[in-house]
Amino acid sequence: MKTIRFLGHSCFMISNDKERILIDPFLTGNPLAAVKSDELKPTLILVTHGHGDHIGDAVEISVRTGAPILGVFELVNYCMAKGAKGISAHMGGKIPFEFGWVKIVPAFHSSSTGDGVYTGHPVGFVINFYGHHIYHAGDTCIFGDMELISRLYRVDTALLPIGGNYVMDIDDAVEAARLLNCSNAIPMHYNTFPPIEADPVVFREKLENKTRANGVVLKPGEEMVLE
């Protein structure tokens, strides 16, 4: 069975009985985290950018488990210098795996670590997980090429930030889902801190009124089965 589990903020685990893909593992210091970092044993870690609420525990988890961190060149070099394993690529890259592939696509944001190291351009990912295409938008505003991303790679499930302030708000995320023409949309990056407070139920209602997508609101720790 293929599932996607929400672990809080922008962190997800995509898995079956063999593969475990962990995305943006901000767990330590996250008041809404569903698990502790030492509970996870991923086979692959994806990191969208270097901000602390996304790179999070990635290095520690990679060092402990041996799972490589996949991301842009500068971010992966930063992680490898701290002892992590890495797979460096960049926007446009499609990296093959036994489960399918990971495509690196643009995001509009910034990317640096807490100690001021530039970690390359922020990105999103399209993950072909045994035929189900998942788009993790990362931290981003809405942009018109989301339509192109979906046309090229067919997005089944979109993981979209809704918290505003640093990223898209609810209304922009609804429009992003329309551009993506996705079947499912899961909100993320909301309510962790006061500046990004948002109501995911409002997102779901607007989404289902204005697009063909099914709104899937997951509490931290909950999962959705991937068809």
C-alpha atoms as a PDB file:
ATOM      1  CA  MET A   1       0.000   0.000   0.000  1.00  0.00           C
ATOM      2  CA  LYS A   2       1.283   3.453  -0.936  1.00  0.00           C
ATOM      3  CA  THR A   3       0.684   6.250   1.563  1.00  0.00           C
ATOM      4  CA  ILE A   4       1.599   9.853   2.202  1.00  0.00           C
ATOM      5  CA  ARG A   5       1.834  10.833   5.848  1.00  0.00           C
ATOM      6  CA  PHE A   6       1.816  14.428   7.084  1.00  0.00           C
ATOM      7  CA  LEU A   7       4.331  14.972   9.878  1.00  0.00           C
ATOM      8  CA  GLY A   8       3.723  18.697  10.444  1.00  0.00           C
ATOM      9  CA  HIS A   9       4.601  22.021   8.753  1.00  0.00           C
ATOM     10  CA  SER A  10       5.907  20.974   5.302  1.00  0.00           C
ATOM     11  CA  CYS A  11       7.199  17.542   6.281  1.00  0.00           C
ATOM     12  CA  PHE A  12       5.788  14.407   4.656  1.00  0.00           C
ATOM     13  CA  MET A  13       6.742  10.744   4.390  1.00  0.00           C
ATOM     14  CA  ILE A  14       5.806   8.962   1.153  1.00  0.00           C
ATOM     15  CA  SER A  15       6.116   5.231   1.593  1.00  0.00           C
ATOM     16  CA  ASN A  16       5.213   1.655   0.832  1.00  0.00           C
ATOM     17  CA  ASP A  17       6.609  -1.545   2.327  1.00  0.00           C
ATOM     18  CA  LYS A  18      10.002  -0.882   0.718  1.00  0.00           C
ATOM     19  CA  GLU A  19      10.599   2.825   0.080  1.00  0.00           C
ATOM     20  CA  ARG A  20      10.346   5.737   2.539  1.00  0.00           C
ATOM     21  CA  ILE A  21      10.798   9.214   1.057  1.00  0.00           C
ATOM     22  CA  LEU A  22      11.044  11.956   3.685  1.00  0.00           C
ATOM     23  CA  ILE A  23      10.522  15.585   2.634  1.00  0.00           C
ATOM     24  CA  ASP A  24      11.611  18.723   4.555  1.00  0.00           C
ATOM     25  CA  PRO A  25      12.087  17.065   7.972  1.00  0.00           C
ATOM     26  CA  PHE A  26      11.598  20.002  10.351  1.00  0.00           C
ATOM     27  CA  LEU A  27      10.806  18.039  13.524  1.00  0.00           C
ATOM     28  CA  THR A  28      13.072  19.216  16.343  1.00  0.00           C
ATOM     29  CA  GLY A  29      11.714  22.579  17.502  1.00  0.00           C
ATOM     30  CA  ASN A  30       8.462  22.148  15.580  1.00  0.00           C
ATOM     31  CA  PRO A  31       5.568  22.472  18.060  1.00  0.00           C
ATOM     32  CA  LEU A  32       3.266  20.535  15.725  1.00  0.00           C
ATOM     33  CA  ALA A  33       5.622  17.696  14.771  1.00  0.00           C
ATOM     34  CA  ALA A  34       3.956  14.276  14.854  1.00  0.00           C
ATOM     35  CA  VAL A  35       7.174  12.335  15.510  1.00  0.00           C
ATOM     36  CA  LYS A  36      10.717  12.786  16.742  1.00  0.00           C
ATOM     37  CA  SER A  37      13.520  12.666  14.222  1.00  0.00           C
ATOM     38  CA  ASP A  38      15.070   9.537  15.736  1.00  0.00           C
ATOM     39  CA  GLU A  39      11.861   7.593  15.058  1.00  0.00           C
ATOM     40  CA  LEU A  40      12.274   7.871  11.292  1.00  0.00           C
ATOM     41  CA  LYS A  41      14.244   5.588   8.992  1.00  0.00           C
ATOM     42  CA  PRO A  42      13.865   7.008   5.470  1.00  0.00           C
ATOM     43  CA  THR A  43      15.530   5.586   2.395  1.00  0.00           C
ATOM     44  CA  LEU A  44      15.685   9.017   0.712  1.00  0.00           C
ATOM     45  CA  ILE A  45      15.437  12.598   2.005  1.00  0.00           C
ATOM     46  CA  LEU A  46      14.296  15.529  -0.162  1.00  0.00           C
ATOM     47  CA  VAL A  47      14.987  19.091   0.971  1.00  0.00           C
ATOM     48  CA  THR A  48      13.443  22.047  -0.859  1.00  0.00           C
ATOM     49  CA  HIS A  49      15.695  24.777   0.586  1.00  0.00           C
ATOM     50  CA  GLY A  50      18.022  25.685   3.423  1.00  0.00           C
ATOM     51  CA  HIS A  51      15.751  27.511   5.862  1.00  0.00           C
ATOM     52  CA  GLY A  52      15.664  25.877   9.292  1.00  0.00           C
ATOM     53  CA  ASP A  53      11.977  24.978   9.078  1.00  0.00           C
ATOM     54  CA  HIS A  54      12.703  22.839   6.000  1.00  0.00           C
ATOM     55  CA  ILE A  55      16.252  21.469   6.195  1.00  0.00           C
ATOM     56  CA  GLY A  56      15.457  20.796   9.859  1.00  0.00           C
ATOM     57  CA  ASP A  57      16.829  17.432  10.984  1.00  0.00           C
ATOM     58  CA  ALA A  58      17.892  16.285   7.510  1.00  0.00           C
ATOM     59  CA  VAL A  59      21.623  16.080   8.261  1.00  0.00           C
ATOM     60  CA  GLU A  60      21.153  14.203  11.540  1.00  0.00           C
ATOM     61  CA  ILE A  61      18.752  11.723   9.942  1.00  0.00           C
ATOM     62  CA  SER A  62      21.067  11.153   6.967  1.00  0.00           C
ATOM     63  CA  VAL A  63      24.097  10.580   9.192  1.00  0.00           C
ATOM     64  CA  ARG A  64      22.148   8.164  11.399  1.00  0.00           C
ATOM     65  CA  THR A  65      20.386   6.157   8.675  1.00  0.00           C
ATOM     66  CA  GLY A  66      22.611   6.532   5.611  1.00  0.00           C
ATOM     67  CA  ALA A  67      19.720   7.921   3.565  1.00  0.00           C
ATOM     68  CA  PRO A  68      21.005  10.425   0.990  1.00  0.00           C
ATOM     69  CA  ILE A  69      19.751  13.997   0.875  1.00  0.00           C
ATOM     70  CA  LEU A  70      18.592  15.029  -2.596  1.00  0.00           C
ATOM     71  CA  GLY A  71      18.529  18.710  -3.443  1.00  0.00           C
ATOM     72  CA  VAL A  72      20.295  21.460  -5.329  1.00  0.00           C
ATOM     73  CA  PHE A  73      24.083  21.497  -5.543  1.00  0.00           C
ATOM     74  CA  GLU A  74      24.840  24.127  -2.909  1.00  0.00           C
ATOM     75  CA  LEU A  75      22.429  22.718  -0.317  1.00  0.00           C
ATOM     76  CA  VAL A  76      23.675  19.161  -0.734  1.00  0.00           C
ATOM     77  CA  ASN A  77      27.310  20.273  -0.505  1.00  0.00           C
ATOM     78  CA  TYR A  78      26.472  22.051   2.762  1.00  0.00           C
ATOM     79  CA  CYS A  79      24.892  18.871   4.147  1.00  0.00           C
ATOM     80  CA  MET A  80      27.713  16.611   2.968  1.00  0.00           C
ATOM     81  CA  ALA A  81      30.259  18.871   4.659  1.00  0.00           C
ATOM     82  CA  LYS A  82      28.447  18.047   7.896  1.00  0.00           C
ATOM     83  CA  GLY A  83      28.674  14.294   7.288  1.00  0.00           C
ATOM     84  CA  ALA A  84      25.450  13.570   5.407  1.00  0.00           C
ATOM     85  CA  LYS A  85      25.215  11.521   2.250  1.00  0.00           C
ATOM     86  CA  GLY A  86      23.993  13.450  -0.767  1.00  0.00           C
ATOM     87  CA  ILE A  87      22.670  13.434  -4.318  1.00  0.00           C
ATOM     88  CA  SER A  88      23.178  16.858  -5.864  1.00  0.00           C
ATOM     89  CA  ALA A  89      21.181  18.019  -8.868  1.00  0.00           C
ATOM     90  CA  HIS A  90      19.352  21.164  -9.929  1.00  0.00           C
ATOM     91  CA  MET A  91      16.199  22.528 -11.539  1.00  0.00           C
ATOM     92  CA  GLY A  92      15.414  20.534 -14.651  1.00  0.00           C
ATOM     93  CA  GLY A  93      17.049  17.410 -13.312  1.00  0.00           C
ATOM     94  CA  LYS A  94      15.063  14.172 -13.309  1.00  0.00           C
ATOM     95  CA  ILE A  95      16.733  11.623 -11.062  1.00  0.00           C
ATOM     96  CA  PRO A  96      15.721   7.978 -11.597  1.00  0.00           C
ATOM     97  CA  PHE A  97      14.989   5.590  -8.740  1.00  0.00           C
ATOM     98  CA  GLU A  98      13.507   2.117  -8.468  1.00  0.00           C
ATOM     99  CA  PHE A  99      10.168   3.675  -7.459  1.00  0.00           C
ATOM    100  CA  GLY A 100      10.141   6.019 -10.475  1.00  0.00           C
ATOM    101  CA  TRP A 101      11.843   9.411 -10.459  1.00  0.00           C
ATOM    102  CA  VAL A 102      12.189  12.788  -8.763  1.00  0.00           C
ATOM    103  CA  LYS A 103      11.984  15.933 -10.900  1.00  0.00           C
ATOM    104  CA  ILE A 104      13.331  19.203  -9.499  1.00  0.00           C
ATOM    105  CA  VAL A 105      11.187  22.209 -10.417  1.00  0.00           C
ATOM    106  CA  PRO A 106      11.314  25.933  -9.549  1.00  0.00           C
ATOM    107  CA  ALA A 107       9.965  27.659  -6.469  1.00  0.00           C
ATOM    108  CA  PHE A 108       9.996  31.405  -5.759  1.00  0.00           C
ATOM    109  CA  HIS A 109      11.467  32.064  -2.314  1.00  0.00           C
ATOM    110  CA  SER A 110      14.994  32.285  -0.849  1.00  0.00           C
ATOM    111  CA  SER A 111      17.417  29.781   0.633  1.00  0.00           C
ATOM    112  CA  SER A 112      20.070  30.095   3.309  1.00  0.00           C
ATOM    113  CA  THR A 113      20.913  28.395   6.577  1.00  0.00           C
ATOM    114  CA  GLY A 114      20.638  29.859  10.056  1.00  0.00           C
ATOM    115  CA  ASP A 115      24.387  30.481  10.075  1.00  0.00           C
ATOM    116  CA  GLY A 116      24.137  32.540   6.889  1.00  0.00           C
ATOM    117  CA  VAL A 117      25.322  30.025   4.283  1.00  0.00           C
ATOM    118  CA  TYR A 118      23.731  30.419   0.845  1.00  0.00           C
ATOM    119  CA  THR A 119      22.221  27.089  -0.164  1.00  0.00           C
ATOM    120  CA  GLY A 120      21.267  27.652  -3.785  1.00  0.00           C
ATOM    121  CA  HIS A 121      17.887  28.303  -5.347  1.00  0.00           C
ATOM    122  CA  PRO A 122      14.765  27.059  -3.542  1.00  0.00           C
ATOM    123  CA  VAL A 123      12.879  24.348  -5.407  1.00  0.00           C
ATOM    124  CA  GLY A 124       9.878  22.077  -5.446  1.00  0.00           C
ATOM    125  CA  PHE A 125       9.731  18.404  -6.370  1.00  0.00           C
ATOM    126  CA  VAL A 126       7.531  16.232  -8.566  1.00  0.00           C
ATOM    127  CA  ILE A 127       7.827  12.639  -7.362  1.00  0.00           C
ATOM    128  CA  ASN A 128       6.702   9.745  -9.528  1.00  0.00           C
ATOM    129  CA  PHE A 129       6.056   7.165  -6.830  1.00  0.00           C
ATOM    130  CA  TYR A 130       5.111   3.956  -8.617  1.00  0.00           C
ATOM    131  CA  GLY A 131       2.956   5.909 -11.060  1.00  0.00           C
ATOM    132  CA  HIS A 132       1.346   8.366  -8.615  1.00  0.00           C
ATOM    133  CA  HIS A 133       2.691  11.878  -9.224  1.00  0.00           C
ATOM    134  CA  ILE A 134       3.093  14.046  -6.123  1.00  0.00           C
ATOM    135  CA  TYR A 135       4.061  17.725  -6.337  1.00  0.00           C
ATOM    136  CA  HIS A 136       5.629  19.250  -3.213  1.00  0.00           C
ATOM    137  CA  ALA A 137       5.671  22.976  -3.941  1.00  0.00           C
ATOM    138  CA  GLY A 138       8.158  23.896  -1.212  1.00  0.00           C
ATOM    139  CA  ASP A 139       7.967  27.482  -0.004  1.00  0.00           C
ATOM    140  CA  THR A 140       6.690  29.574  -2.874  1.00  0.00           C
ATOM    141  CA  CYS A 141       4.283  32.145  -4.182  1.00  0.00           C
ATOM    142  CA  ILE A 142       1.903  31.174  -6.948  1.00  0.00           C
ATOM    143  CA  PHE A 143       3.397  31.298 -10.448  1.00  0.00           C
ATOM    144  CA  GLY A 144       1.986  30.623 -13.885  1.00  0.00           C
ATOM    145  CA  ASP A 145       4.356  27.805 -14.757  1.00  0.00           C
ATOM    146  CA  MET A 146       2.585  25.576 -12.268  1.00  0.00           C
ATOM    147  CA  GLU A 147       0.306  24.885 -15.211  1.00  0.00           C
ATOM    148  CA  LEU A 148       3.322  23.839 -17.281  1.00  0.00           C
ATOM    149  CA  ILE A 149       4.583  21.600 -14.473  1.00  0.00           C
ATOM    150  CA  SER A 150       1.288  19.738 -14.460  1.00  0.00           C
ATOM    151  CA  ARG A 151       1.061  19.569 -18.247  1.00  0.00           C
ATOM    152  CA  LEU A 152       4.521  18.012 -18.448  1.00  0.00           C
ATOM    153  CA  TYR A 153       4.363  15.693 -15.448  1.00  0.00           C
ATOM    154  CA  ARG A 154       0.651  15.190 -14.582  1.00  0.00           C
ATOM    155  CA  VAL A 155       0.154  16.084 -10.930  1.00  0.00           C
ATOM    156  CA  ASP A 156      -2.143  13.680  -9.072  1.00  0.00           C
ATOM    157  CA  THR A 157      -1.615  15.053  -5.554  1.00  0.00           C
ATOM    158  CA  ALA A 158      -0.333  18.562  -4.780  1.00  0.00           C
ATOM    159  CA  LEU A 159       1.145  19.579  -1.424  1.00  0.00           C
ATOM    160  CA  LEU A 160       0.559  23.325  -1.227  1.00  0.00           C
ATOM    161  CA  PRO A 161       1.508  25.955   1.365  1.00  0.00           C
ATOM    162  CA  ILE A 162      -1.448  28.052   2.549  1.00  0.00           C
ATOM    163  CA  GLY A 163      -0.082  30.097   5.455  1.00  0.00           C
ATOM    164  CA  GLY A 164       0.563  33.367   3.624  1.00  0.00           C
ATOM    165  CA  ASN A 165       3.157  35.925   4.781  1.00  0.00           C
ATOM    166  CA  TYR A 166       6.175  33.907   3.532  1.00  0.00           C
ATOM    167  CA  VAL A 167       4.294  31.753   1.022  1.00  0.00           C
ATOM    168  CA  MET A 168       0.965  31.480  -0.811  1.00  0.00           C
ATOM    169  CA  ASP A 169      -2.193  32.199   1.135  1.00  0.00           C
ATOM    170  CA  ILE A 170      -5.411  30.199   0.866  1.00  0.00           C
ATOM    171  CA  ASP A 171      -6.796  31.985  -2.190  1.00  0.00           C
ATOM    172  CA  ASP A 172      -3.510  31.737  -4.094  1.00  0.00           C
ATOM    173  CA  ALA A 173      -3.183  28.077  -3.178  1.00  0.00           C
ATOM    174  CA  VAL A 174      -6.669  27.398  -4.550  1.00  0.00           C
ATOM    175  CA  GLU A 175      -5.687  29.065  -7.812  1.00  0.00           C
ATOM    176  CA  ALA A 176      -2.453  27.045  -7.815  1.00  0.00           C
ATOM    177  CA  ALA A 177      -4.506  23.859  -7.581  1.00  0.00           C
ATOM    178  CA  ARG A 178      -6.576  25.026 -10.548  1.00  0.00           C
ATOM    179  CA  LEU A 179      -3.416  25.631 -12.580  1.00  0.00           C
ATOM    180  CA  LEU A 180      -2.060  22.252 -11.567  1.00  0.00           C
ATOM    181  CA  ASN A 181      -5.350  20.509 -12.452  1.00  0.00           C
ATOM    182  CA  CYS A 182      -4.591  18.074  -9.645  1.00  0.00           C
ATOM    183  CA  SER A 183      -6.938  15.424  -8.297  1.00  0.00           C
ATOM    184  CA  ASN A 184      -6.016  15.993  -4.640  1.00  0.00           C
ATOM    185  CA  ALA A 185      -4.560  18.943  -2.737  1.00  0.00           C
ATOM    186  CA  ILE A 186      -3.141  18.714   0.777  1.00  0.00           C
ATOM    187  CA  PRO A 187      -2.463  21.992   2.629  1.00  0.00           C
ATOM    188  CA  MET A 188       0.849  22.517   4.424  1.00  0.00           C
ATOM    189  CA  HIS A 189       2.996  25.267   5.963  1.00  0.00           C
ATOM    190  CA  TYR A 190       0.313  26.725   8.213  1.00  0.00           C
ATOM    191  CA  ASN A 191      -0.348  27.241  11.952  1.00  0.00           C
ATOM    192  CA  THR A 192       3.180  26.317  13.061  1.00  0.00           C
ATOM    193  CA  PHE A 193       3.871  29.945  14.001  1.00  0.00           C
ATOM    194  CA  PRO A 194       1.594  33.016  14.394  1.00  0.00           C
ATOM    195  CA  PRO A 195       2.556  34.693  11.062  1.00  0.00           C
ATOM    196  CA  ILE A 196       1.299  31.677   9.084  1.00  0.00           C
ATOM    197  CA  GLU A 197      -1.989  30.983  10.822  1.00  0.00           C
ATOM    198  CA  ALA A 198      -4.640  29.758   8.367  1.00  0.00           C
ATOM    199  CA  ASP A 199      -7.753  27.585   8.411  1.00  0.00           C
ATOM    200  CA  PRO A 200      -7.305  24.432   6.308  1.00  0.00           C
ATOM    201  CA  VAL A 201     -11.060  23.807   6.318  1.00  0.00           C
ATOM    202  CA  VAL A 202     -11.600  27.137   4.551  1.00  0.00           C
ATOM    203  CA  PHE A 203      -8.966  26.060   2.030  1.00  0.00           C
ATOM    204  CA  ARG A 204     -10.766  22.779   1.414  1.00  0.00           C
ATOM    205  CA  GLU A 205     -14.142  24.484   0.980  1.00  0.00           C
ATOM    206  CA  LYS A 206     -12.819  27.049  -1.493  1.00  0.00           C
ATOM    207  CA  LEU A 207     -10.784  24.421  -3.311  1.00  0.00           C
ATOM    208  CA  GLU A 208     -13.740  22.116  -3.862  1.00  0.00           C
ATOM    209  CA  ASN A 209     -15.985  24.999  -4.930  1.00  0.00           C
ATOM    210  CA  LYS A 210     -13.533  26.370  -7.506  1.00  0.00           C
ATOM    211  CA  THR A 211     -11.517  23.394  -8.788  1.00  0.00           C
ATOM    212  CA  ARG A 212     -11.910  19.703  -9.541  1.00  0.00           C
ATOM    213  CA  ALA A 213      -9.516  18.793  -6.723  1.00  0.00           C
ATOM    214  CA  ASN A 214     -10.430  16.927  -3.591  1.00  0.00           C
ATOM    215  CA  GLY A 215      -9.215  18.777  -0.498  1.00  0.00           C
ATOM    216  CA  VAL A 216      -7.451  16.454   1.946  1.00  0.00           C
ATOM    217  CA  VAL A 217      -6.813  18.039   5.346  1.00  0.00           C
ATOM    218  CA  LEU A 218      -4.416  15.899   7.367  1.00  0.00           C
ATOM    219  CA  LYS A 219      -3.580  16.482  11.002  1.00  0.00           C
ATOM    220  CA  PRO A 220       0.069  15.834  11.872  1.00  0.00           C
ATOM    221  CA  GLY A 221       0.476  12.072  12.002  1.00  0.00           C
ATOM    222  CA  GLU A 222      -2.421  11.296   9.655  1.00  0.00           C
ATOM    223  CA  GLU A 223      -1.979   9.748   6.235  1.00  0.00           C
ATOM    224  CA  MET A 224      -3.702   9.402   2.886  1.00  0.00           C
ATOM    225  CA  VAL A 225      -3.661   6.239   0.819  1.00  0.00           C
ATOM    226  CA  LEU A 226      -2.376   6.847  -2.709  1.00  0.00           C
ATOM    227  CA  GLU A 227      -4.444   5.178  -5.421  1.00  0.00           C
END
